[in-house]
Amino acid sequence: MKKKSSGFWLDLLVVALAVAIGSLLFLLPKLAPGVTVAPEREEPTPPPTLNTEVQQGRLPGYENAPINEDGRYFQYLFNSSVVFSEGAVPGNVLLENTVGNVCDMVVSFQLEDGKTVYRSPKLSPGEYLEYGRLLEPLPVGSYPVSVTIDVYLPPQELPEEEVDPESAEPVPQEPIASYMEQATLTVQK
């Protein structure tokens, strides 16, 4: 009878051990649901950027809202329940100077004590703004605010005396109309 080499048994033992470990790794999550094998570490996804720039077109979600078909009137959209997060995170102001208007607008929010806490950039007809930043952070809470929509003549329609003759820039003007609305401004954690 021939004697078998010890290398054969060692190879067989290594293969059996590898099969046992592989089976254990495969079956362990099924046998013990609370035990998991850690996946590869993924980099955290950065939060989406909130666009605080004035955009052309209709406010998303309000594309079918009525437009101004008679330039003698002024129509606008604004959010009556604005939410900001604590700190300098932009809030959902949702402002639109409706298509068909002939004047520009600037929107501001004032607290009950008269302090202005938000002021939009100028919105021309057919422009909107989804997000804006408070002028300074407010503590967490809900605040009743007065919303003022100031309406201005566009620069090309200013009377000649309201344009600086040296720079040809418009002289800051008073609004030709102002609308007052009420809203709630909420700052959350």
C-alpha atoms as a PDB file:
ATOM      1  CA  MET A   1       0.000   0.000   0.000  1.00  0.00           C
ATOM      2  CA  LYS A   2       1.160   3.450  -0.924  1.00  0.00           C
ATOM      3  CA  LYS A   3       1.409   6.152   1.676  1.00  0.00           C
ATOM      4  CA  LYS A   4      -0.470   9.360   0.718  1.00  0.00           C
ATOM      5  CA  SER A   5       1.461  12.576   0.976  1.00  0.00           C
ATOM      6  CA  SER A   6       0.631  14.965   3.794  1.00  0.00           C
ATOM      7  CA  GLY A   7       0.368  17.830   1.229  1.00  0.00           C
ATOM      8  CA  PHE A   8      -2.886  16.383  -0.101  1.00  0.00           C
ATOM      9  CA  TRP A   9      -4.535  16.487   3.346  1.00  0.00           C
ATOM     10  CA  LEU A  10      -3.292  20.015   3.958  1.00  0.00           C
ATOM     11  CA  ASP A  11      -4.722  21.210   0.631  1.00  0.00           C
ATOM     12  CA  LEU A  12      -8.036  19.507   1.400  1.00  0.00           C
ATOM     13  CA  LEU A  13      -8.153  21.153   4.833  1.00  0.00           C
ATOM     14  CA  VAL A  14      -7.515  24.646   3.344  1.00  0.00           C
ATOM     15  CA  VAL A  15     -10.280  24.194   0.729  1.00  0.00           C
ATOM     16  CA  ALA A  16     -12.751  22.963   3.375  1.00  0.00           C
ATOM     17  CA  LEU A  17     -11.903  25.899   5.651  1.00  0.00           C
ATOM     18  CA  ALA A  18     -12.385  28.425   2.803  1.00  0.00           C
ATOM     19  CA  VAL A  19     -15.797  26.905   1.930  1.00  0.00           C
ATOM     20  CA  ALA A  20     -16.848  27.033   5.597  1.00  0.00           C
ATOM     21  CA  ILE A  21     -15.836  30.705   6.013  1.00  0.00           C
ATOM     22  CA  GLY A  22     -17.552  31.711   2.753  1.00  0.00           C
ATOM     23  CA  SER A  23     -20.745  29.898   3.756  1.00  0.00           C
ATOM     24  CA  LEU A  24     -20.679  31.515   7.182  1.00  0.00           C
ATOM     25  CA  LEU A  25     -20.313  35.020   5.699  1.00  0.00           C
ATOM     26  CA  PHE A  26     -23.148  34.313   3.281  1.00  0.00           C
ATOM     27  CA  LEU A  27     -25.540  32.806   5.851  1.00  0.00           C
ATOM     28  CA  LEU A  28     -24.730  34.989   8.883  1.00  0.00           C
ATOM     29  CA  PRO A  29     -27.049  37.902   7.916  1.00  0.00           C
ATOM     30  CA  LYS A  30     -29.888  35.418   7.301  1.00  0.00           C
ATOM     31  CA  LEU A  31     -29.372  33.450  10.516  1.00  0.00           C
ATOM     32  CA  ALA A  32     -28.849  36.488  12.769  1.00  0.00           C
ATOM     33  CA  PRO A  33     -30.826  39.434  11.283  1.00  0.00           C
ATOM     34  CA  GLY A  34     -29.371  41.915  13.794  1.00  0.00           C
ATOM     35  CA  VAL A  35     -25.847  41.166  12.630  1.00  0.00           C
ATOM     36  CA  THR A  36     -24.788  42.817   9.429  1.00  0.00           C
ATOM     37  CA  VAL A  37     -21.580  43.031   7.537  1.00  0.00           C
ATOM     38  CA  ALA A  38     -20.568  46.666   7.221  1.00  0.00           C
ATOM     39  CA  PRO A  39     -20.857  47.889   3.630  1.00  0.00           C
ATOM     40  CA  GLU A  40     -18.207  50.043   2.054  1.00  0.00           C
ATOM     41  CA  ARG A  41     -18.274  53.504   3.581  1.00  0.00           C
ATOM     42  CA  GLU A  42     -20.069  55.947   1.301  1.00  0.00           C
ATOM     43  CA  GLU A  43     -19.365  59.648   1.283  1.00  0.00           C
ATOM     44  CA  PRO A  44     -22.321  61.634   2.679  1.00  0.00           C
ATOM     45  CA  THR A  45     -24.493  63.250   0.039  1.00  0.00           C
ATOM     46  CA  PRO A  46     -24.333  67.032   0.327  1.00  0.00           C
ATOM     47  CA  PRO A  47     -27.683  68.761   0.838  1.00  0.00           C
ATOM     48  CA  PRO A  48     -29.236  70.201  -2.325  1.00  0.00           C
ATOM     49  CA  THR A  49     -28.344  73.796  -3.041  1.00  0.00           C
ATOM     50  CA  LEU A  50     -31.269  76.168  -2.761  1.00  0.00           C
ATOM     51  CA  ASN A  51     -31.368  78.647  -5.622  1.00  0.00           C
ATOM     52  CA  THR A  52     -31.534  82.208  -4.292  1.00  0.00           C
ATOM     53  CA  GLU A  53     -31.154  83.787  -7.739  1.00  0.00           C
ATOM     54  CA  VAL A  54     -33.965  85.486  -9.652  1.00  0.00           C
ATOM     55  CA  GLN A  55     -35.160  83.167 -12.460  1.00  0.00           C
ATOM     56  CA  GLN A  56     -37.038  83.798 -15.711  1.00  0.00           C
ATOM     57  CA  GLY A  57     -40.452  82.189 -16.181  1.00  0.00           C
ATOM     58  CA  ARG A  58     -43.228  80.931 -13.905  1.00  0.00           C
ATOM     59  CA  LEU A  59     -42.876  79.845 -10.300  1.00  0.00           C
ATOM     60  CA  PRO A  60     -42.507  76.021 -10.356  1.00  0.00           C
ATOM     61  CA  GLY A  61     -45.805  74.396  -9.427  1.00  0.00           C
ATOM     62  CA  TYR A  62     -47.784  77.496 -10.465  1.00  0.00           C
ATOM     63  CA  GLU A  63     -47.267  77.371 -14.218  1.00  0.00           C
ATOM     64  CA  ASN A  64     -51.036  77.187 -14.752  1.00  0.00           C
ATOM     65  CA  ALA A  65     -51.880  80.139 -12.485  1.00  0.00           C
ATOM     66  CA  PRO A  66     -53.593  83.022 -14.301  1.00  0.00           C
ATOM     67  CA  ILE A  67     -51.399  85.546 -16.076  1.00  0.00           C
ATOM     68  CA  ASN A  68     -52.001  89.260 -16.407  1.00  0.00           C
ATOM     69  CA  GLU A  69     -53.708  89.833 -19.723  1.00  0.00           C
ATOM     70  CA  ASP A  70     -54.343  93.525 -19.020  1.00  0.00           C
ATOM     71  CA  GLY A  71     -51.276  95.608 -18.161  1.00  0.00           C
ATOM     72  CA  ARG A  72     -53.458  98.096 -16.261  1.00  0.00           C
ATOM     73  CA  TYR A  73     -53.480  95.706 -13.302  1.00  0.00           C
ATOM     74  CA  PHE A  74     -50.694  94.197 -11.239  1.00  0.00           C
ATOM     75  CA  GLN A  75     -50.683  90.497 -10.293  1.00  0.00           C
ATOM     76  CA  TYR A  76     -48.204  88.620  -8.130  1.00  0.00           C
ATOM     77  CA  LEU A  77     -47.712  85.374  -6.230  1.00  0.00           C
ATOM     78  CA  PHE A  78     -46.187  85.061  -2.772  1.00  0.00           C
ATOM     79  CA  ASN A  79     -45.932  82.386  -0.082  1.00  0.00           C
ATOM     80  CA  SER A  80     -48.048  83.125   2.997  1.00  0.00           C
ATOM     81  CA  SER A  81     -46.295  80.407   5.081  1.00  0.00           C
ATOM     82  CA  VAL A  82     -42.566  81.001   4.659  1.00  0.00           C
ATOM     83  CA  VAL A  83     -40.234  78.519   6.392  1.00  0.00           C
ATOM     84  CA  PHE A  84     -36.564  79.144   7.161  1.00  0.00           C
ATOM     85  CA  SER A  85     -34.181  76.808   8.979  1.00  0.00           C
ATOM     86  CA  GLU A  86     -32.145  78.048  11.910  1.00  0.00           C
ATOM     87  CA  GLY A  87     -29.002  79.925  10.859  1.00  0.00           C
ATOM     88  CA  ALA A  88     -28.361  81.416   7.440  1.00  0.00           C
ATOM     89  CA  VAL A  89     -30.204  78.727   5.440  1.00  0.00           C
ATOM     90  CA  PRO A  90     -32.466  80.183   2.713  1.00  0.00           C
ATOM     91  CA  GLY A  91     -36.248  79.961   3.155  1.00  0.00           C
ATOM     92  CA  ASN A  92     -39.000  79.215   0.630  1.00  0.00           C
ATOM     93  CA  VAL A  93     -40.164  82.769  -0.164  1.00  0.00           C
ATOM     94  CA  LEU A  94     -41.816  81.700  -3.477  1.00  0.00           C
ATOM     95  CA  LEU A  95     -42.331  85.086  -5.152  1.00  0.00           C
ATOM     96  CA  GLU A  96     -43.470  85.768  -8.707  1.00  0.00           C
ATOM     97  CA  ASN A  97     -43.952  88.969 -10.693  1.00  0.00           C
ATOM     98  CA  THR A  98     -46.609  87.531 -12.975  1.00  0.00           C
ATOM     99  CA  VAL A  99     -46.218  87.427 -16.734  1.00  0.00           C
ATOM    100  CA  GLY A 100     -48.070  90.329 -18.367  1.00  0.00           C
ATOM    101  CA  ASN A 101     -47.298  92.926 -15.677  1.00  0.00           C
ATOM    102  CA  VAL A 102     -45.510  96.064 -16.868  1.00  0.00           C
ATOM    103  CA  CYS A 103     -43.829  97.043 -13.563  1.00  0.00           C
ATOM    104  CA  ASP A 104     -41.037  95.689 -11.384  1.00  0.00           C
ATOM    105  CA  MET A 105     -41.586  94.639  -7.755  1.00  0.00           C
ATOM    106  CA  VAL A 106     -39.640  94.300  -4.516  1.00  0.00           C
ATOM    107  CA  VAL A 107     -41.060  92.307  -1.593  1.00  0.00           C
ATOM    108  CA  SER A 108     -40.218  92.808   2.076  1.00  0.00           C
ATOM    109  CA  PHE A 109     -41.330  91.158   5.334  1.00  0.00           C
ATOM    110  CA  GLN A 110     -41.735  93.206   8.511  1.00  0.00           C
ATOM    111  CA  LEU A 111     -42.210  91.908  12.058  1.00  0.00           C
ATOM    112  CA  GLU A 112     -44.968  93.332  14.235  1.00  0.00           C
ATOM    113  CA  ASP A 113     -42.505  95.915  15.645  1.00  0.00           C
ATOM    114  CA  GLY A 114     -41.884  97.203  12.086  1.00  0.00           C
ATOM    115  CA  LYS A 115     -38.389  95.705  11.726  1.00  0.00           C
ATOM    116  CA  THR A 116     -37.692  94.505   8.174  1.00  0.00           C
ATOM    117  CA  VAL A 117     -36.327  90.942   8.265  1.00  0.00           C
ATOM    118  CA  TYR A 118     -36.374  90.119   4.532  1.00  0.00           C
ATOM    119  CA  ARG A 119     -36.102  92.117   1.314  1.00  0.00           C
ATOM    120  CA  SER A 120     -36.142  90.525  -2.125  1.00  0.00           C
ATOM    121  CA  PRO A 121     -34.103  91.613  -5.106  1.00  0.00           C
ATOM    122  CA  LYS A 122     -36.026  93.422  -7.862  1.00  0.00           C
ATOM    123  CA  LEU A 123     -38.281  91.081  -9.822  1.00  0.00           C
ATOM    124  CA  SER A 124     -39.241  92.182 -13.325  1.00  0.00           C
ATOM    125  CA  PRO A 125     -42.385  90.907 -15.056  1.00  0.00           C
ATOM    126  CA  GLY A 126     -42.077  87.184 -15.814  1.00  0.00           C
ATOM    127  CA  GLU A 127     -39.469  86.576 -13.090  1.00  0.00           C
ATOM    128  CA  TYR A 128     -39.649  84.527  -9.894  1.00  0.00           C
ATOM    129  CA  LEU A 129     -37.641  83.744  -6.787  1.00  0.00           C
ATOM    130  CA  GLU A 130     -37.919  80.419  -4.947  1.00  0.00           C
ATOM    131  CA  TYR A 131     -35.573  80.961  -1.984  1.00  0.00           C
ATOM    132  CA  GLY A 132     -34.266  83.963  -0.075  1.00  0.00           C
ATOM    133  CA  ARG A 133     -32.164  84.703   3.005  1.00  0.00           C
ATOM    134  CA  LEU A 134     -33.212  86.670   6.080  1.00  0.00           C
ATOM    135  CA  LEU A 135     -31.376  89.962   6.591  1.00  0.00           C
ATOM    136  CA  GLU A 136     -30.275  88.573   9.974  1.00  0.00           C
ATOM    137  CA  PRO A 137     -31.006  85.256  11.722  1.00  0.00           C
ATOM    138  CA  LEU A 138     -34.102  85.015  13.926  1.00  0.00           C
ATOM    139  CA  PRO A 139     -34.590  82.675  16.894  1.00  0.00           C
ATOM    140  CA  VAL A 140     -36.577  79.472  16.319  1.00  0.00           C
ATOM    141  CA  GLY A 141     -40.317  80.209  16.347  1.00  0.00           C
ATOM    142  CA  SER A 142     -43.262  81.491  14.297  1.00  0.00           C
ATOM    143  CA  TYR A 143     -43.716  85.163  13.560  1.00  0.00           C
ATOM    144  CA  PRO A 144     -46.663  87.008  12.024  1.00  0.00           C
ATOM    145  CA  VAL A 145     -45.239  89.294   9.345  1.00  0.00           C
ATOM    146  CA  SER A 146     -46.580  92.047   7.133  1.00  0.00           C
ATOM    147  CA  VAL A 147     -45.623  91.499   3.519  1.00  0.00           C
ATOM    148  CA  THR A 148     -45.131  94.653   1.467  1.00  0.00           C
ATOM    149  CA  ILE A 149     -45.071  94.364  -2.316  1.00  0.00           C
ATOM    150  CA  ASP A 150     -43.661  97.631  -3.692  1.00  0.00           C
ATOM    151  CA  VAL A 151     -44.282  98.263  -7.395  1.00  0.00           C
ATOM    152  CA  TYR A 152     -41.850 100.343  -9.468  1.00  0.00           C
ATOM    153  CA  LEU A 153     -41.786 101.654 -13.009  1.00  0.00           C
ATOM    154  CA  PRO A 154     -39.174  99.782 -15.052  1.00  0.00           C
ATOM    155  CA  PRO A 155     -36.084 101.945 -15.876  1.00  0.00           C
ATOM    156  CA  GLN A 156     -37.023 102.363 -19.558  1.00  0.00           C
ATOM    157  CA  GLU A 157     -40.300 104.025 -18.509  1.00  0.00           C
ATOM    158  CA  LEU A 158     -38.863 106.470 -15.975  1.00  0.00           C
ATOM    159  CA  PRO A 159     -39.473 110.154 -16.601  1.00  0.00           C
ATOM    160  CA  GLU A 160     -36.338 111.915 -17.858  1.00  0.00           C
ATOM    161  CA  GLU A 161     -35.807 113.772 -14.555  1.00  0.00           C
ATOM    162  CA  GLU A 162     -35.468 110.428 -12.720  1.00  0.00           C
ATOM    163  CA  VAL A 163     -32.372 109.386 -14.664  1.00  0.00           C
ATOM    164  CA  ASP A 164     -28.991 110.761 -13.562  1.00  0.00           C
ATOM    165  CA  PRO A 165     -27.721 112.758 -16.602  1.00  0.00           C
ATOM    166  CA  GLU A 166     -24.058 111.997 -15.805  1.00  0.00           C
ATOM    167  CA  SER A 167     -24.249 108.242 -15.193  1.00  0.00           C
ATOM    168  CA  ALA A 168     -27.490 107.505 -17.107  1.00  0.00           C
ATOM    169  CA  GLU A 169     -28.441 105.321 -14.109  1.00  0.00           C
ATOM    170  CA  PRO A 170     -31.931 105.466 -12.632  1.00  0.00           C
ATOM    171  CA  VAL A 171     -32.245 107.640  -9.545  1.00  0.00           C
ATOM    172  CA  PRO A 172     -33.671 105.588  -6.650  1.00  0.00           C
ATOM    173  CA  GLN A 173     -37.404 106.052  -6.815  1.00  0.00           C
ATOM    174  CA  GLU A 174     -40.441 105.729  -4.632  1.00  0.00           C
ATOM    175  CA  PRO A 175     -42.836 102.897  -5.468  1.00  0.00           C
ATOM    176  CA  ILE A 176     -45.792 103.855  -7.643  1.00  0.00           C
ATOM    177  CA  ALA A 177     -47.976 101.428  -5.641  1.00  0.00           C
ATOM    178  CA  SER A 178     -47.674  99.203  -2.573  1.00  0.00           C
ATOM    179  CA  TYR A 179     -49.711  96.164  -1.631  1.00  0.00           C
ATOM    180  CA  MET A 180     -49.912  94.815   1.926  1.00  0.00           C
ATOM    181  CA  GLU A 181     -50.447  91.146   2.762  1.00  0.00           C
ATOM    182  CA  GLN A 182     -50.140  89.047   5.930  1.00  0.00           C
ATOM    183  CA  ALA A 183     -48.058  85.899   6.289  1.00  0.00           C
ATOM    184  CA  THR A 184     -46.431  83.628   8.842  1.00  0.00           C
ATOM    185  CA  LEU A 185     -42.670  83.295   8.905  1.00  0.00           C
ATOM    186  CA  THR A 186     -41.419  80.182  10.709  1.00  0.00           C
ATOM    187  CA  VAL A 187     -37.831  79.498  11.755  1.00  0.00           C
ATOM    188  CA  GLN A 188     -37.272  75.827  12.545  1.00  0.00           C
ATOM    189  CA  LYS A 189     -34.326  73.836  13.904  1.00  0.00           C
END
